[in-house]
Amino acid sequence: MRNSTVVGQYSPDILAAELDVVFCGINPAATAVADGHNFSSRSNRFWEVLYRAGFTDIRLRPEDERQLLTYGCGITAAVSRATPRADEIGVAEFRAARPDFEEKIRCVRPMTLAFLGKRAVVSMLEDRHIAFGLQPFRFAETTTWVLPNPSGLNRRFTLEGLVAAYAELRVSLPGRFSGGRPLERPPGNHREGV
């Protein structure tokens, strides 16, 4: 497996072997590289969504990202090149990144891989008909979900819609999920913006 791009103290990978779920972003944001932590933009809702969906029992901050491993969760990116905006990554770059990305996932063997947004998986698999939720296929021999991207630029999903979509994944792991807290009830309709 090739090493992830590391700039200063930043790496897009917060990984360990056999995690319950690895959340896969499109690529590192320039703000993440500058701050040294994933999902560090003030407008990104990732950490709030994980907490509200029950993956963590406290709201982690970007600088606490390594604690995510204690909850059975990890983070990676489909493409390791950082950009100011994810839409700067094109289809050809996703396809070129696929072999190394698949090798990385096979090496860490998570129970579930959750793509954050459709762009990476749609481009890698060349299939425009991928829906949100549990997928009928396995990616890199791993159960695969597609969740809405928590970026602040993704306004098609409200915070409540994001929480409901992520909670659906979390409750699908009841027997093996090692962290988090139960939700009293998932808010909102996660199918909005489809």
Foldseek 3Di string as FASTA:
>chain_A
DDDFDADDLAGQKLAAAAFQEEEEEAEAEPVCNVVRFGQQPPLFCVQVLCQQLFLAVDRDHRVCQNCSVVQSYIYHYLAHDYYNDSVVDDLVRLQVSQVVSLVVCLVRVYQEYEYADDVSVCSNVVPPPDDAAWDPDARSNHGYGYAHHRGSVPPQADSLLRNLSVSVVVVVCVVPRRHTDDHPDRGDHVRGSD
